[in-house]
């Protein structure tokens, strides 16, 4: 069965994490995605480990369900090809700075001139109406300026980065659902539009859902920062043989936890039974949890938490995820025989649709793998394609 976005065509003019992951999500949903790269290729192609140069692990994990064409957009011929593709496209997703695309003659107004119904999704670091508009943005920078790094230090510690390209991936999710909203709007009114998705604003809004805290009110009732998330002992708890995540959350769960820990003195403690006091003293409770579980074995502690109906889980190492019994049961990891890379293991689309299921239809493409077939589909003759390739405007990677 086809995915829910079957029939939607998207030009992916993005690189690294913010953008490629968004377009991969849309491709998982069934959209036809054409990734446009320069001759140098997406920088993630060169990030080790890889079996073959140009097919790095990061690239492989963010670029499935796409065809690939190389275009030198700095050439007149490359721009002409791009606009010809735009004329038959529903969405352009672009992470090149808007001013640079405008200089190339490939900005929103240029694309709208050849396709009035185009949806042009501009992925930017900062909103283009503010003083930071021209600043470059990378994940670490956005973690810093958005408060994400400060959050990791809690109330007292220094800022620290999350050990992931978290902003690239969160903002890609925002970009994906913004694209879906624009497609739905066009279905209702027939009009395309420019959609701007700034990382800075998206991450500040994301971070402050719970962390705006006392600053939510005027005048403020206290500092920003959700207390439960900021305290020192909110972390996986050390046991005799590993780490466990345990989260007593409501009164019933806290009382159950202290019951099987034989701490009857805590059952009617205001920190346990009064939600306001609990929220204010949550750090003290988490410190108690850390102290009480340290002499347990993981298997015994997980069994006790399960019996008490307290949210819990083992702190799983990254290398162990594919062996997780739940992941195996749902078939989340899939191994494919890639034509140039051999066996590769990819994660599956996590969402389920009963009628239009997402699927992995195309494996990550080599640089320029589909250049010639896309040019043919756009109406170029064999002679014209040969001229484009000879001029270095595109690359034929179909047999490399």
Protein backbone atom coordinates (compact mmCIF):
# COMPACT_ATOMS: atom_id res chain seq x y z
CA UNK A 1 0.00 0.00 0.00
CA UNK A 2 1.17 3.53 -0.74
CA UNK A 3 2.08 5.99 1.99
CA UNK A 4 -0.16 8.92 2.95
CA UNK A 5 1.89 11.42 0.92
CA UNK A 6 1.89 9.43 -2.33
CA UNK A 7 1.78 11.84 -5.26
CA UNK A 8 3.56 14.69 -3.42
CA UNK A 9 6.89 15.70 -4.92
CA UNK A 10 9.55 17.39 -2.81
CA UNK A 11 12.91 18.94 -3.72
CA UNK A 12 15.30 18.49 -0.80
CA UNK A 13 17.93 21.24 -0.96
CA UNK A 14 19.32 20.63 2.51
CA UNK A 15 22.41 19.17 4.15
CA UNK A 16 23.75 17.87 7.46
CA UNK A 17 20.92 17.10 9.92
CA UNK A 18 18.46 19.98 9.83
CA UNK A 19 16.55 19.31 6.63
CA UNK A 20 17.69 15.89 5.44
CA UNK A 21 15.97 14.26 8.42
CA UNK A 22 12.81 16.31 7.80
CA UNK A 23 12.70 15.24 4.17
CA UNK A 24 13.39 11.64 5.12
CA UNK A 25 10.28 11.73 7.34
CA UNK A 26 8.24 13.06 4.42
CA UNK A 27 9.75 10.37 2.20
CA UNK A 28 8.81 7.72 4.76
CA UNK A 29 5.24 9.04 4.47
CA UNK A 30 5.32 8.25 0.76
CA UNK A 31 6.38 11.54 -0.83
CA UNK A 32 8.68 11.43 -3.84
CA UNK A 33 11.79 13.20 -2.55
CA UNK A 34 14.58 14.37 -4.85
CA UNK A 35 17.71 15.41 -2.99
CA UNK A 36 19.71 18.09 -4.78
CA UNK A 37 23.42 18.12 -3.94
CA UNK A 38 26.47 19.97 -5.13
CA UNK A 39 29.37 18.08 -6.66
CA UNK A 40 31.05 17.98 -3.24
CA UNK A 41 27.98 16.34 -1.72
CA UNK A 42 26.39 16.62 1.68
CA UNK A 43 29.14 16.99 4.30
CA UNK A 44 27.71 14.02 6.24
CA UNK A 45 28.77 11.75 3.38
CA UNK A 46 32.34 12.13 4.61
CA UNK A 47 31.75 11.51 8.32
CA UNK A 48 33.39 8.25 9.44
CA UNK A 49 32.67 5.35 9.85
CA UNK A 50 31.91 4.30 6.29
CA UNK A 51 32.71 1.37 4.01
CA UNK A 52 33.06 3.53 0.93
CA UNK A 53 33.97 7.18 0.70
CA UNK A 54 30.92 9.38 0.27
CA UNK A 55 28.55 7.02 2.09
CA UNK A 56 29.13 7.89 5.74
CA UNK A 57 26.90 6.52 8.49
CA UNK A 58 25.27 9.90 9.26
CA UNK A 59 24.26 10.32 5.63
CA UNK A 60 22.87 6.78 5.47
CA UNK A 61 20.67 7.36 8.53
CA UNK A 62 19.06 10.59 7.28
CA UNK A 63 18.64 10.11 3.54
CA UNK A 64 16.57 7.03 2.75
CA UNK A 65 13.49 7.22 0.50
CA UNK A 66 15.10 9.81 -1.77
CA UNK A 67 16.44 9.98 -5.28
CA UNK A 68 19.56 12.03 -5.84
CA UNK A 69 20.67 14.55 -8.45
CA UNK A 70 23.83 16.64 -8.55
CA UNK A 71 23.36 20.23 -9.72
CA UNK A 72 25.78 23.13 -9.67
CA UNK A 73 23.33 25.88 -8.76
CA UNK A 74 25.98 28.55 -9.31
CA UNK A 75 25.81 27.96 -13.06
CA UNK A 76 23.11 29.29 -15.35
CA UNK A 77 22.43 25.82 -16.71
CA UNK A 78 22.16 24.37 -13.20
CA UNK A 79 19.67 27.05 -12.22
CA UNK A 80 17.62 26.38 -15.32
CA UNK A 81 17.44 22.67 -14.51
CA UNK A 82 16.46 23.43 -10.93
CA UNK A 83 13.62 25.76 -11.95
CA UNK A 84 12.43 23.20 -14.47
CA UNK A 85 12.17 20.70 -11.63
CA UNK A 86 10.41 23.28 -9.46
CA UNK A 87 7.74 23.71 -12.13
CA UNK A 88 6.67 20.10 -11.53
CA UNK A 89 7.20 20.05 -7.76
CA UNK A 90 4.90 20.55 -4.78
CA UNK A 91 7.44 21.55 -2.12
CA UNK A 92 10.95 22.94 -2.01
CA UNK A 93 12.71 22.43 1.34
CA UNK A 94 15.87 24.54 1.46
CA UNK A 95 18.49 25.10 4.18
CA UNK A 96 20.68 27.42 2.10
CA UNK A 97 20.39 30.96 3.46
CA UNK A 98 17.49 32.84 1.84
CA UNK A 99 19.72 35.74 0.78
CA UNK A 100 22.05 33.31 -1.02
CA UNK A 101 19.16 31.62 -2.81
CA UNK A 102 17.81 35.02 -3.84
CA UNK A 103 21.22 35.95 -5.27
CA UNK A 104 21.19 32.72 -7.26
CA UNK A 105 17.74 33.54 -8.61
CA UNK A 106 16.27 30.52 -6.82
CA UNK A 107 14.45 32.14 -3.89
CA UNK A 108 10.77 31.90 -3.15
CA UNK A 109 9.74 34.60 -5.62
CA UNK A 110 11.80 32.97 -8.38
CA UNK A 111 10.27 29.57 -7.70
CA UNK A 112 6.76 31.01 -7.44
CA UNK A 113 7.22 32.63 -10.83
CA UNK A 114 7.49 29.18 -12.46
CA UNK A 115 5.05 27.45 -10.10
CA UNK A 116 2.50 29.72 -8.38
CA UNK A 117 1.35 26.87 -6.12
CA UNK A 118 4.80 26.02 -4.82
CA UNK A 119 5.30 25.58 -1.08
CA UNK A 120 8.77 26.87 -0.26
CA UNK A 121 10.02 25.80 3.17
CA UNK A 122 12.98 27.93 4.23
CA UNK A 123 14.98 26.32 7.04
CA UNK A 124 16.88 29.09 8.79
CA UNK A 125 18.86 29.48 11.97
CA UNK A 126 17.07 32.62 13.12
CA UNK A 127 13.87 34.36 12.06
CA UNK A 128 14.61 36.59 9.09
CA UNK A 129 12.88 39.64 10.58
CA UNK A 130 15.23 39.79 13.59
CA UNK A 131 18.77 41.10 14.14
CA UNK A 132 20.26 37.58 14.12
CA UNK A 133 18.90 36.82 10.65
CA UNK A 134 22.29 36.53 8.95
CA UNK A 135 24.00 34.46 11.63
CA UNK A 136 25.07 30.92 10.73
CA UNK A 137 23.47 28.24 12.88
CA UNK A 138 24.67 24.78 13.82
CA UNK A 139 23.30 22.42 16.42
CA UNK A 140 25.81 23.33 19.14
CA UNK A 141 25.21 27.05 18.61
CA UNK A 142 21.45 26.66 18.86
CA UNK A 143 21.79 24.45 21.95
CA UNK A 144 23.70 27.34 23.52
CA UNK A 145 21.55 30.32 22.56
CA UNK A 146 18.20 28.57 23.12
CA UNK A 147 18.88 27.66 26.74
CA UNK A 148 19.23 23.95 25.98
CA UNK A 149 22.87 23.85 27.14
CA UNK A 150 22.11 25.84 30.29
CA UNK A 151 19.34 23.39 31.19
CA UNK A 152 21.82 20.52 31.28
CA UNK A 153 23.75 22.22 34.07
CA UNK A 154 20.74 22.40 36.37
CA UNK A 155 20.57 25.29 38.83
CA UNK A 156 24.26 25.45 39.69
CA UNK A 157 26.33 23.62 37.11
CA UNK A 158 27.94 24.98 33.93
CA UNK A 159 26.18 24.73 30.56
CA UNK A 160 26.68 21.41 28.78
CA UNK A 161 25.72 20.11 25.36
CA UNK A 162 23.25 17.27 24.94
CA UNK A 163 25.21 14.37 23.41
CA UNK A 164 23.16 14.42 20.22
CA UNK A 165 22.35 16.71 17.31
CA UNK A 166 19.17 17.36 19.23
CA UNK A 167 18.27 20.74 17.72
CA UNK A 168 18.76 19.53 14.15
CA UNK A 169 16.44 16.60 14.78
CA UNK A 170 13.77 18.45 16.77
CA UNK A 171 13.66 21.29 14.25
CA UNK A 172 13.45 18.76 11.42
CA UNK A 173 10.29 17.43 13.06
CA UNK A 174 8.94 21.00 13.19
CA UNK A 175 9.85 21.46 9.53
CA UNK A 176 8.11 18.21 8.56
CA UNK A 177 4.83 19.07 10.27
CA UNK A 178 5.01 22.66 8.97
CA UNK A 179 5.27 21.23 5.46
CA UNK A 180 2.25 19.00 6.08
CA UNK A 181 0.25 21.98 7.36
CA UNK A 182 1.11 24.01 4.27
CA UNK A 183 0.13 21.11 2.00
CA UNK A 184 -3.19 20.80 3.83
CA UNK A 185 -3.79 24.55 3.50
CA UNK A 186 -3.08 24.42 -0.23
CA UNK A 187 -5.53 21.54 -0.58
CA UNK A 188 -8.18 23.76 1.01
CA UNK A 189 -7.51 27.04 -0.81
CA UNK A 190 -5.26 26.18 -3.77
CA UNK A 191 -2.52 28.59 -2.73
CA UNK A 192 1.16 27.90 -2.18
CA UNK A 193 3.19 29.91 0.30
CA UNK A 194 6.54 30.64 1.90
CA UNK A 195 7.09 28.78 5.18
CA UNK A 196 9.95 29.92 7.40
CA UNK A 197 11.14 27.51 10.11
CA UNK A 198 13.80 29.13 12.37
CA UNK A 199 15.82 26.88 14.66
CA UNK A 200 16.29 29.48 17.42
CA UNK A 201 12.62 30.28 17.87
CA UNK A 202 11.57 26.64 17.45
CA UNK A 203 13.97 25.48 20.17
CA UNK A 204 13.13 28.29 22.60
CA UNK A 205 9.46 27.39 22.29
CA UNK A 206 10.30 23.70 22.71
CA UNK A 207 12.49 24.29 25.76
CA UNK A 208 10.05 26.57 27.56
CA UNK A 209 7.01 24.26 27.48
CA UNK A 210 7.90 23.23 31.04
CA UNK A 211 10.96 25.39 31.70
CA UNK A 212 9.26 28.79 31.43
CA UNK A 213 8.07 27.93 34.95
CA UNK A 214 7.66 31.02 37.15
CA UNK A 215 8.43 33.32 34.22
CA UNK A 216 5.08 32.29 32.73
CA UNK A 217 3.39 34.84 34.98
CA UNK A 218 3.49 38.63 35.09
CA UNK A 219 4.98 39.56 37.45
CA UNK A 220 7.10 36.38 37.63
CA UNK A 221 6.38 33.89 40.40
CA UNK A 222 9.95 32.62 40.29
CA UNK A 223 12.84 31.82 37.97
CA UNK A 224 12.66 29.87 34.75
CA UNK A 225 13.47 26.16 34.96
CA UNK A 226 11.18 23.24 35.74
CA UNK A 227 12.32 22.09 39.17
CA UNK A 228 11.88 18.36 38.57
CA UNK A 229 14.12 18.51 35.52
CA UNK A 230 16.81 20.71 37.09
CA UNK A 231 17.65 18.84 40.28
CA UNK A 232 20.92 16.98 40.72
CA UNK A 233 19.51 13.49 41.23
CA UNK A 234 17.24 13.41 38.20
CA UNK A 235 19.27 10.81 36.39
CA UNK A 236 19.49 7.05 35.91
CA UNK A 237 20.13 5.49 39.31
CA UNK A 238 23.17 3.32 40.00
CA UNK A 239 22.45 -0.21 41.27
CA UNK A 240 24.81 -3.04 42.12
CA UNK A 241 25.12 -4.08 38.48
CA UNK A 242 24.07 -1.20 36.26
CA UNK A 243 21.64 1.70 35.97
CA UNK A 244 17.87 1.91 36.19
CA UNK A 245 15.40 4.67 35.35
CA UNK A 246 12.67 4.78 37.99
CA UNK A 247 9.99 7.46 38.05
CA UNK A 248 7.49 7.48 40.90
CA UNK A 249 5.33 10.38 39.75
CA UNK A 250 2.01 10.64 41.58
CA UNK A 251 1.16 10.12 45.25
CA UNK A 252 0.13 6.50 44.79
CA UNK A 253 3.40 5.64 43.06
CA UNK A 254 5.57 7.40 45.63
CA UNK A 255 3.79 5.61 48.49
CA UNK A 256 4.18 2.28 46.68
CA UNK A 257 7.89 2.92 46.19
CA UNK A 258 8.54 3.68 49.84
CA UNK A 259 6.39 0.71 50.87
CA UNK A 260 8.52 -1.90 49.09
CA UNK A 261 11.62 -0.06 50.26
CA UNK A 262 10.39 -0.55 53.86
CA UNK A 263 10.33 3.18 54.49
CA UNK A 264 6.96 3.45 56.20
CA UNK A 265 8.14 6.72 57.76
CA UNK A 266 7.79 8.31 54.31
CA UNK A 267 4.26 7.15 53.48
CA UNK A 268 2.55 10.20 54.95
CA UNK A 269 5.43 12.63 54.58
CA UNK A 270 4.19 15.95 53.09
CA UNK A 271 6.81 15.58 50.35
CA UNK A 272 5.01 12.42 49.27
CA UNK A 273 1.33 13.18 49.80
CA UNK A 274 1.12 16.90 48.98
CA UNK A 275 1.68 17.68 45.27
CA UNK A 276 2.81 21.27 45.89
CA UNK A 277 5.33 20.28 48.55
CA UNK A 278 6.46 17.36 46.39
CA UNK A 279 7.16 19.66 43.44
CA UNK A 280 9.16 21.99 45.68
CA UNK A 281 11.15 19.20 47.37
CA UNK A 282 11.47 16.82 44.44
CA UNK A 283 15.27 16.94 44.59
CA UNK A 284 15.21 15.53 48.12
CA UNK A 285 12.97 12.66 47.01
CA UNK A 286 15.18 11.81 44.05
CA UNK A 287 18.22 11.79 46.34
CA UNK A 288 16.39 9.30 48.57
CA UNK A 289 15.65 7.10 45.56
CA UNK A 290 19.33 7.12 44.58
CA UNK A 291 20.32 6.06 48.10
CA UNK A 292 17.67 3.34 48.41
CA UNK A 293 18.27 1.55 45.09
CA UNK A 294 22.08 1.43 45.16
CA UNK A 295 22.21 -1.98 46.88
CA UNK A 296 19.69 -3.67 44.59
CA UNK A 297 20.39 -5.84 41.58
CA UNK A 298 18.78 -4.61 38.38
CA UNK A 299 16.59 -7.67 37.82
CA UNK A 300 15.19 -7.50 41.37
CA UNK A 301 14.60 -3.76 41.26
CA UNK A 302 12.83 -3.89 37.90
CA UNK A 303 10.60 -6.70 39.17
CA UNK A 304 9.70 -4.71 42.29
CA UNK A 305 8.95 -1.57 40.27
CA UNK A 306 6.81 -3.61 37.88
CA UNK A 307 4.84 -5.16 40.75
CA UNK A 308 4.29 -1.72 42.27
CA UNK A 309 3.14 -0.28 38.91
CA UNK A 310 5.85 2.39 38.96
CA UNK A 311 7.20 3.66 35.61
CA UNK A 312 10.63 2.16 35.07
CA UNK A 313 13.18 0.91 32.57
CA UNK A 314 16.76 -0.22 32.23
CA UNK A 315 19.23 2.47 31.15
CA UNK A 316 20.13 0.84 27.84
CA UNK A 317 23.42 1.41 26.04
CA UNK A 318 23.30 2.52 22.40
CA UNK A 319 24.99 -0.71 21.28
CA UNK A 320 22.30 -2.75 23.02
CA UNK A 321 19.21 -1.17 21.45
CA UNK A 322 18.96 -3.55 18.51
CA UNK A 323 18.93 -6.51 20.94
CA UNK A 324 16.06 -5.07 22.97
CA UNK A 325 13.20 -7.59 23.02
CA UNK A 326 10.57 -4.97 22.24
CA UNK A 327 12.55 -3.55 19.32
CA UNK A 328 12.97 -7.07 17.96
CA UNK A 329 9.28 -7.89 18.39
CA UNK A 330 8.11 -4.80 16.46
CA UNK A 331 10.82 -5.20 13.79
CA UNK A 332 12.18 -1.71 14.34
CA UNK A 333 15.66 -2.43 12.98
CA UNK A 334 15.76 -3.66 9.40
CA UNK A 335 18.78 -4.94 7.49
CA UNK A 336 19.03 -4.23 3.76
CA UNK A 337 21.50 -5.27 1.09
CA UNK A 338 22.66 -1.92 -0.29
CA UNK A 339 23.97 -2.16 -3.88
CA UNK A 340 27.26 -0.43 -3.03
CA UNK A 341 27.52 -0.60 0.76
CA UNK A 342 26.52 -4.19 1.38
CA UNK A 343 24.40 -5.01 4.42
CA UNK A 344 23.23 -1.92 6.30
CA UNK A 345 20.92 -1.73 9.31
CA UNK A 346 18.35 1.08 9.33
CA UNK A 347 15.66 2.11 11.79
CA UNK A 348 12.05 1.83 10.62
CA UNK A 349 9.48 4.63 10.52
CA UNK A 350 8.06 4.48 14.06
CA UNK A 351 4.47 5.48 13.28
CA UNK A 352 1.76 3.05 12.16
CA UNK A 353 -1.00 3.75 9.62
CA UNK A 354 -3.66 1.11 9.08
CA UNK A 355 -4.39 2.09 5.46
CA UNK A 356 -1.35 4.02 4.18
CA UNK A 357 1.68 2.63 6.03
CA UNK A 358 5.05 4.39 5.85
CA UNK A 359 7.81 2.24 4.45
CA UNK A 360 11.45 2.19 3.38
CA UNK A 361 11.14 2.08 -0.39
CA UNK A 362 14.54 3.45 -1.41
CA UNK A 363 17.92 2.99 0.23
CA UNK A 364 20.21 6.03 0.67
CA UNK A 365 21.45 7.04 -2.77
CA UNK A 366 24.97 7.49 -4.04
CA UNK A 367 25.93 11.01 -5.08
CA UNK A 368 24.25 11.72 -8.41
CA UNK A 369 22.83 8.20 -8.62
CA UNK A 370 19.62 9.39 -10.27
CA UNK A 371 20.87 12.50 -12.06
CA UNK A 372 20.39 11.13 -15.56
CA UNK A 373 16.95 9.59 -14.99
CA UNK A 374 15.68 12.79 -13.34
CA UNK A 375 17.00 14.89 -16.23
CA UNK A 376 15.26 12.55 -18.66
CA UNK A 377 12.01 12.85 -16.74
CA UNK A 378 12.37 16.64 -16.88
CA UNK A 379 12.38 16.44 -20.69
CA UNK A 380 16.07 16.77 -21.50
CA UNK A 381 17.34 14.91 -24.55
CA UNK A 382 20.29 12.55 -24.43
CA UNK A 383 22.40 15.14 -26.19
CA UNK A 384 21.41 17.83 -23.69
CA UNK A 385 22.13 15.50 -20.78
CA UNK A 386 25.57 14.75 -22.20
CA UNK A 387 26.22 18.47 -22.48
CA UNK A 388 25.12 19.06 -18.87
CA UNK A 389 27.39 16.29 -17.63
CA UNK A 390 30.33 17.42 -19.76
CA UNK A 391 29.99 20.96 -18.39
CA UNK A 392 30.18 19.65 -14.79
CA UNK A 393 26.72 21.00 -14.01
CA UNK A 394 25.66 17.50 -12.96
CA UNK A 395 27.25 14.12 -12.23
CA UNK A 396 26.15 10.68 -13.32
CA UNK A 397 26.58 8.51 -10.23
CA UNK A 398 24.41 5.66 -11.44
CA UNK A 399 27.28 3.21 -11.86
CA UNK A 400 29.85 4.53 -9.38
